[in-house]
């Protein structure tokens, strides 16, 4: 678990330019909040950012895979999160535009 916690901490650093970041363990992974908005999940070694109808096409155009899981009796389920682009994982500056899209999607979902 220490390795997963370290990766979640690294993801929090990448997202920190957007505001105060809080990481919470959940469902074998981590949930990430920025300014108390739930906008990302970390599962294994992958950061998934919140998407919606407005932002999903940008993530899909970059080839970012959606987060899915198998639900008992329901098959594959997608929760509206896509993996961050690989190059965005290199620095907060490269992550910022993608994280901003996720934060916008989280704000719209809250309304």
N, C-alpha and C. Protein backbone atom coordinates (compact mmCIF):
# COMPACT_ATOMS: atom_id res chain seq x y z
N UNK A 1 0.81 -1.20 0.00
CA UNK A 1 0.00 0.00 0.00
C UNK A 1 0.85 1.26 0.00
N UNK A 2 2.06 1.19 0.53
CA UNK A 2 2.92 2.37 0.58
C UNK A 2 3.22 2.91 -0.81
N UNK A 3 3.42 2.00 -1.78
CA UNK A 3 3.69 2.44 -3.15
C UNK A 3 2.48 3.16 -3.73
N UNK A 4 1.29 2.61 -3.49
CA UNK A 4 0.06 3.26 -3.99
C UNK A 4 -0.14 4.61 -3.32
N UNK A 5 0.12 4.68 -2.02
CA UNK A 5 0.00 5.96 -1.32
C UNK A 5 0.98 6.98 -1.88
N UNK A 6 2.20 6.54 -2.19
CA UNK A 6 3.22 7.44 -2.75
C UNK A 6 2.78 7.95 -4.11
N UNK A 7 2.21 7.08 -4.94
CA UNK A 7 1.75 7.52 -6.27
C UNK A 7 0.58 8.50 -6.13
N UNK A 8 -0.34 8.23 -5.21
CA UNK A 8 -1.45 9.15 -4.98
C UNK A 8 -0.92 10.51 -4.50
N UNK A 9 0.11 10.48 -3.67
CA UNK A 9 0.74 11.73 -3.22
C UNK A 9 1.37 12.49 -4.37
N UNK A 10 2.01 11.76 -5.30
CA UNK A 10 2.59 12.40 -6.48
C UNK A 10 1.49 13.03 -7.33
N UNK A 11 0.37 12.33 -7.49
CA UNK A 11 -0.75 12.88 -8.25
C UNK A 11 -1.29 14.15 -7.58
N UNK A 12 -1.33 14.15 -6.26
CA UNK A 12 -1.78 15.34 -5.53
C UNK A 12 -0.85 16.52 -5.82
N UNK A 13 0.45 16.26 -5.87
CA UNK A 13 1.41 17.32 -6.22
C UNK A 13 1.15 17.86 -7.62
N UNK A 14 0.85 16.96 -8.56
CA UNK A 14 0.57 17.40 -9.93
C UNK A 14 -0.65 18.31 -9.99
N UNK A 15 -1.62 18.06 -9.14
CA UNK A 15 -2.88 18.81 -9.17
C UNK A 15 -2.87 20.04 -8.27
N UNK A 16 -1.85 20.17 -7.43
CA UNK A 16 -1.83 21.23 -6.42
C UNK A 16 -1.86 22.66 -6.96
N UNK A 17 -1.40 22.94 -8.19
CA UNK A 17 -1.51 24.32 -8.66
C UNK A 17 -2.96 24.82 -8.79
N UNK A 18 -3.92 23.89 -8.81
CA UNK A 18 -5.32 24.30 -8.95
C UNK A 18 -5.98 24.70 -7.64
N UNK A 19 -5.35 24.35 -6.52
CA UNK A 19 -5.93 24.68 -5.22
C UNK A 19 -5.58 23.63 -4.20
N UNK A 20 -6.15 23.77 -3.00
CA UNK A 20 -5.87 22.80 -1.94
C UNK A 20 -6.33 21.39 -2.35
N UNK A 21 -5.43 20.42 -2.18
CA UNK A 21 -5.70 19.04 -2.58
C UNK A 21 -5.85 18.17 -1.34
N UNK A 22 -6.85 17.30 -1.38
CA UNK A 22 -7.06 16.32 -0.32
C UNK A 22 -7.17 14.95 -0.96
N UNK A 23 -6.45 13.98 -0.42
CA UNK A 23 -6.47 12.60 -0.92
C UNK A 23 -7.13 11.73 0.13
N UNK A 24 -8.08 10.90 -0.32
CA UNK A 24 -8.79 10.02 0.59
C UNK A 24 -8.79 8.60 0.02
N UNK A 25 -8.39 7.63 0.86
CA UNK A 25 -8.44 6.23 0.44
C UNK A 25 -9.88 5.82 0.24
N UNK A 26 -10.10 5.07 -0.86
CA UNK A 26 -11.45 4.57 -1.13
C UNK A 26 -11.40 3.41 -2.10
N UNK A 27 -12.16 2.38 -1.85
CA UNK A 27 -12.35 1.25 -2.76
C UNK A 27 -11.06 0.69 -3.33
N UNK A 28 -10.04 0.55 -2.53
CA UNK A 28 -8.78 0.00 -3.00
C UNK A 28 -7.94 1.00 -3.78
N UNK A 29 -8.38 2.23 -3.87
CA UNK A 29 -7.64 3.28 -4.55
C UNK A 29 -7.70 4.54 -3.72
N UNK A 30 -7.69 5.68 -4.40
CA UNK A 30 -7.75 6.98 -3.72
C UNK A 30 -8.67 7.91 -4.50
N UNK A 31 -9.39 8.73 -3.78
CA UNK A 31 -10.14 9.82 -4.37
C UNK A 31 -9.37 11.10 -4.14
N UNK A 32 -9.39 11.98 -5.13
CA UNK A 32 -8.67 13.25 -4.99
C UNK A 32 -9.66 14.40 -5.13
N UNK A 33 -9.58 15.29 -4.17
CA UNK A 33 -10.43 16.48 -4.13
C UNK A 33 -9.54 17.71 -4.29
N UNK A 34 -10.00 18.67 -5.07
CA UNK A 34 -9.35 19.97 -5.17
C UNK A 34 -10.42 20.99 -4.80
N UNK A 35 -10.11 21.83 -3.84
CA UNK A 35 -11.09 22.79 -3.31
C UNK A 35 -12.38 22.07 -2.93
N UNK A 36 -12.25 20.89 -2.33
CA UNK A 36 -13.37 20.06 -1.89
C UNK A 36 -14.28 19.58 -3.01
N UNK A 37 -13.80 19.62 -4.25
CA UNK A 37 -14.52 19.03 -5.38
C UNK A 37 -13.86 17.70 -5.74
N UNK A 38 -14.65 16.64 -5.78
CA UNK A 38 -14.13 15.32 -6.14
C UNK A 38 -13.88 15.32 -7.65
N UNK A 39 -12.60 15.30 -8.04
CA UNK A 39 -12.30 15.47 -9.46
C UNK A 39 -11.33 14.45 -10.04
N UNK A 40 -10.88 13.49 -9.25
CA UNK A 40 -9.96 12.48 -9.78
C UNK A 40 -9.96 11.25 -8.89
N UNK A 41 -9.60 10.13 -9.50
CA UNK A 41 -9.39 8.90 -8.74
C UNK A 41 -8.06 8.31 -9.17
N UNK A 42 -7.44 7.62 -8.24
CA UNK A 42 -6.19 6.92 -8.50
C UNK A 42 -6.46 5.45 -8.25
N UNK A 43 -6.23 4.65 -9.27
CA UNK A 43 -6.39 3.20 -9.16
C UNK A 43 -5.09 2.59 -9.66
N UNK A 44 -4.42 1.86 -8.80
CA UNK A 44 -3.13 1.30 -9.16
C UNK A 44 -2.15 2.43 -9.44
N UNK A 45 -1.58 2.43 -10.61
CA UNK A 45 -0.63 3.47 -11.01
C UNK A 45 -1.22 4.36 -12.10
N UNK A 46 -2.54 4.57 -12.04
CA UNK A 46 -3.21 5.40 -13.05
C UNK A 46 -4.03 6.48 -12.37
N UNK A 47 -3.87 7.71 -12.86
CA UNK A 47 -4.68 8.84 -12.43
C UNK A 47 -5.81 9.02 -13.44
N UNK A 48 -7.03 8.99 -12.96
CA UNK A 48 -8.20 9.21 -13.81
C UNK A 48 -8.83 10.54 -13.43
N UNK A 49 -9.10 11.37 -14.43
CA UNK A 49 -9.67 12.70 -14.21
C UNK A 49 -11.14 12.72 -14.60
N UNK A 50 -11.93 13.50 -13.88
CA UNK A 50 -13.36 13.63 -14.13
C UNK A 50 -13.60 14.19 -15.53
N UNK A 51 -14.55 13.58 -16.25
CA UNK A 51 -14.95 14.06 -17.57
C UNK A 51 -16.47 14.19 -17.60
N UNK A 52 -16.96 14.94 -18.55
CA UNK A 52 -18.39 15.03 -18.82
C UNK A 52 -18.56 15.17 -20.33
N UNK A 53 -19.76 15.43 -20.77
CA UNK A 53 -20.03 15.51 -22.22
C UNK A 53 -19.18 16.57 -22.90
N UNK A 54 -18.86 17.65 -22.20
CA UNK A 54 -18.07 18.73 -22.80
C UNK A 54 -16.58 18.40 -22.88
N UNK A 55 -16.06 17.67 -21.91
CA UNK A 55 -14.62 17.42 -21.85
C UNK A 55 -14.20 16.05 -22.37
N UNK A 56 -15.10 15.08 -22.38
CA UNK A 56 -14.77 13.72 -22.80
C UNK A 56 -14.10 13.67 -24.17
N UNK A 57 -14.59 14.42 -25.18
CA UNK A 57 -13.97 14.34 -26.50
C UNK A 57 -12.48 14.71 -26.50
N UNK A 58 -12.06 15.65 -25.67
CA UNK A 58 -10.64 16.01 -25.60
C UNK A 58 -9.80 14.85 -25.10
N UNK A 59 -10.30 14.17 -24.07
CA UNK A 59 -9.58 13.02 -23.52
C UNK A 59 -9.56 11.87 -24.53
N UNK A 60 -10.68 11.63 -25.19
CA UNK A 60 -10.74 10.56 -26.18
C UNK A 60 -9.81 10.84 -27.35
N UNK A 61 -9.72 12.11 -27.77
CA UNK A 61 -8.83 12.48 -28.87
C UNK A 61 -7.36 12.19 -28.53
N UNK A 62 -7.03 12.24 -27.24
CA UNK A 62 -5.66 11.94 -26.79
C UNK A 62 -5.45 10.45 -26.54
N UNK A 63 -6.49 9.66 -26.74
CA UNK A 63 -6.39 8.22 -26.52
C UNK A 63 -6.42 7.81 -25.07
N UNK A 64 -6.98 8.65 -24.22
CA UNK A 64 -7.04 8.37 -22.78
C UNK A 64 -8.18 7.38 -22.50
N UNK A 65 -7.84 6.28 -21.88
CA UNK A 65 -8.82 5.22 -21.61
C UNK A 65 -9.76 5.61 -20.48
N UNK A 66 -11.02 5.21 -20.61
CA UNK A 66 -11.96 5.47 -19.51
C UNK A 66 -11.72 4.51 -18.35
N UNK A 67 -12.07 4.95 -17.15
CA UNK A 67 -12.05 4.06 -16.00
C UNK A 67 -13.31 3.22 -16.05
N UNK A 68 -13.15 1.91 -16.05
CA UNK A 68 -14.28 0.99 -16.00
C UNK A 68 -14.00 -0.09 -14.97
N UNK A 69 -15.05 -0.70 -14.52
CA UNK A 69 -14.91 -1.86 -13.63
C UNK A 69 -16.09 -2.78 -13.91
N UNK A 70 -15.98 -4.02 -13.45
CA UNK A 70 -17.05 -4.99 -13.62
C UNK A 70 -17.90 -5.01 -12.36
N UNK A 71 -19.17 -4.70 -12.53
CA UNK A 71 -20.12 -4.71 -11.42
C UNK A 71 -20.92 -6.01 -11.46
N UNK A 72 -21.05 -6.61 -10.33
CA UNK A 72 -21.78 -7.87 -10.23
C UNK A 72 -23.20 -7.70 -10.78
N UNK A 73 -23.54 -8.49 -11.78
CA UNK A 73 -24.87 -8.46 -12.36
C UNK A 73 -25.13 -7.32 -13.33
N UNK A 74 -24.15 -6.42 -13.53
CA UNK A 74 -24.36 -5.29 -14.43
C UNK A 74 -23.33 -5.22 -15.54
N UNK A 75 -22.30 -6.04 -15.50
CA UNK A 75 -21.26 -6.00 -16.51
C UNK A 75 -20.31 -4.83 -16.31
N UNK A 76 -19.73 -4.32 -17.41
CA UNK A 76 -18.78 -3.22 -17.34
C UNK A 76 -19.50 -1.90 -17.07
N UNK A 77 -18.96 -1.15 -16.12
CA UNK A 77 -19.54 0.13 -15.72
C UNK A 77 -18.46 1.20 -15.87
N UNK A 78 -18.84 2.35 -16.43
CA UNK A 78 -17.94 3.49 -16.54
C UNK A 78 -18.48 4.61 -15.65
N UNK A 79 -17.58 5.27 -14.92
CA UNK A 79 -18.01 6.28 -13.96
C UNK A 79 -17.78 7.73 -14.40
N UNK A 80 -17.33 7.96 -15.61
CA UNK A 80 -17.10 9.33 -16.04
C UNK A 80 -15.73 9.87 -15.68
N UNK A 81 -14.72 8.99 -15.73
CA UNK A 81 -13.34 9.38 -15.49
C UNK A 81 -12.49 8.77 -16.59
N UNK A 82 -11.52 9.54 -17.08
CA UNK A 82 -10.58 9.04 -18.09
C UNK A 82 -9.15 9.23 -17.56
N UNK A 83 -8.29 8.34 -18.00
CA UNK A 83 -6.88 8.43 -17.61
C UNK A 83 -6.31 9.76 -18.08
N UNK A 84 -5.42 10.30 -17.29
CA UNK A 84 -4.71 11.52 -17.70
C UNK A 84 -3.75 11.16 -18.82
N UNK A 85 -3.51 12.07 -19.76
CA UNK A 85 -2.53 11.79 -20.81
C UNK A 85 -1.16 11.51 -20.19
N UNK A 86 -0.44 10.57 -20.77
CA UNK A 86 0.86 10.15 -20.22
C UNK A 86 1.82 11.32 -20.05
N UNK A 87 1.88 12.22 -21.04
CA UNK A 87 2.83 13.34 -20.94
C UNK A 87 2.44 14.31 -19.84
N UNK A 88 1.16 14.38 -19.48
CA UNK A 88 0.72 15.27 -18.41
C UNK A 88 1.21 14.80 -17.05
N UNK A 89 1.60 13.55 -16.95
CA UNK A 89 2.07 13.00 -15.68
C UNK A 89 3.49 13.45 -15.35
N UNK A 90 4.13 14.16 -16.26
CA UNK A 90 5.53 14.55 -16.06
C UNK A 90 5.72 15.79 -15.20
N UNK A 91 4.73 16.68 -15.14
CA UNK A 91 4.91 17.91 -14.36
C UNK A 91 3.57 18.59 -14.09
N UNK A 92 3.50 19.39 -13.04
CA UNK A 92 2.29 20.15 -12.77
C UNK A 92 1.91 21.08 -13.93
N UNK A 93 2.90 21.64 -14.60
CA UNK A 93 2.61 22.54 -15.72
C UNK A 93 1.94 21.81 -16.87
N UNK A 94 2.38 20.59 -17.17
CA UNK A 94 1.77 19.81 -18.23
C UNK A 94 0.41 19.26 -17.81
N UNK A 95 0.23 19.03 -16.53
CA UNK A 95 -1.05 18.51 -16.03
C UNK A 95 -2.11 19.60 -15.94
N UNK A 96 -1.69 20.82 -15.73
CA UNK A 96 -2.64 21.91 -15.43
C UNK A 96 -3.83 22.01 -16.40
N UNK A 97 -3.64 22.01 -17.72
CA UNK A 97 -4.82 22.15 -18.59
C UNK A 97 -5.78 20.97 -18.47
N UNK A 98 -5.25 19.78 -18.26
CA UNK A 98 -6.10 18.59 -18.13
C UNK A 98 -6.83 18.60 -16.79
N UNK A 99 -6.13 19.00 -15.76
CA UNK A 99 -6.74 19.08 -14.43
C UNK A 99 -7.82 20.17 -14.42
N UNK A 100 -7.58 21.25 -15.14
CA UNK A 100 -8.58 22.32 -15.22
C UNK A 100 -9.86 21.81 -15.88
N UNK A 101 -9.72 20.97 -16.91
CA UNK A 101 -10.90 20.37 -17.55
C UNK A 101 -11.66 19.49 -16.56
N UNK A 102 -10.93 18.72 -15.77
CA UNK A 102 -11.56 17.85 -14.77
C UNK A 102 -12.26 18.67 -13.70
N UNK A 103 -11.65 19.74 -13.28
CA UNK A 103 -12.26 20.61 -12.27
C UNK A 103 -13.53 21.26 -12.82
N UNK A 104 -13.50 21.69 -14.07
CA UNK A 104 -14.71 22.25 -14.70
C UNK A 104 -15.83 21.22 -14.75
N UNK A 105 -15.48 19.97 -15.12
CA UNK A 105 -16.49 18.91 -15.17
C UNK A 105 -17.06 18.64 -13.78
N UNK A 106 -16.21 18.66 -12.77
CA UNK A 106 -16.67 18.44 -11.39
C UNK A 106 -17.61 19.58 -10.95
N UNK A 107 -17.28 20.80 -11.33
CA UNK A 107 -18.14 21.94 -11.00
C UNK A 107 -19.50 21.81 -11.66
N UNK A 108 -19.52 21.42 -12.93
CA UNK A 108 -20.80 21.25 -13.63
C UNK A 108 -21.62 20.12 -13.01
N UNK A 109 -20.97 19.04 -12.59
CA UNK A 109 -21.68 17.91 -11.99
C UNK A 109 -22.30 18.26 -10.65
N UNK A 110 -21.71 19.22 -9.99
CA UNK A 110 -22.18 19.64 -8.66
C UNK A 110 -23.47 20.42 -8.73
N UNK A 111 -23.75 21.04 -9.84
CA UNK A 111 -24.95 21.89 -9.98
C UNK A 111 -26.21 21.09 -10.19
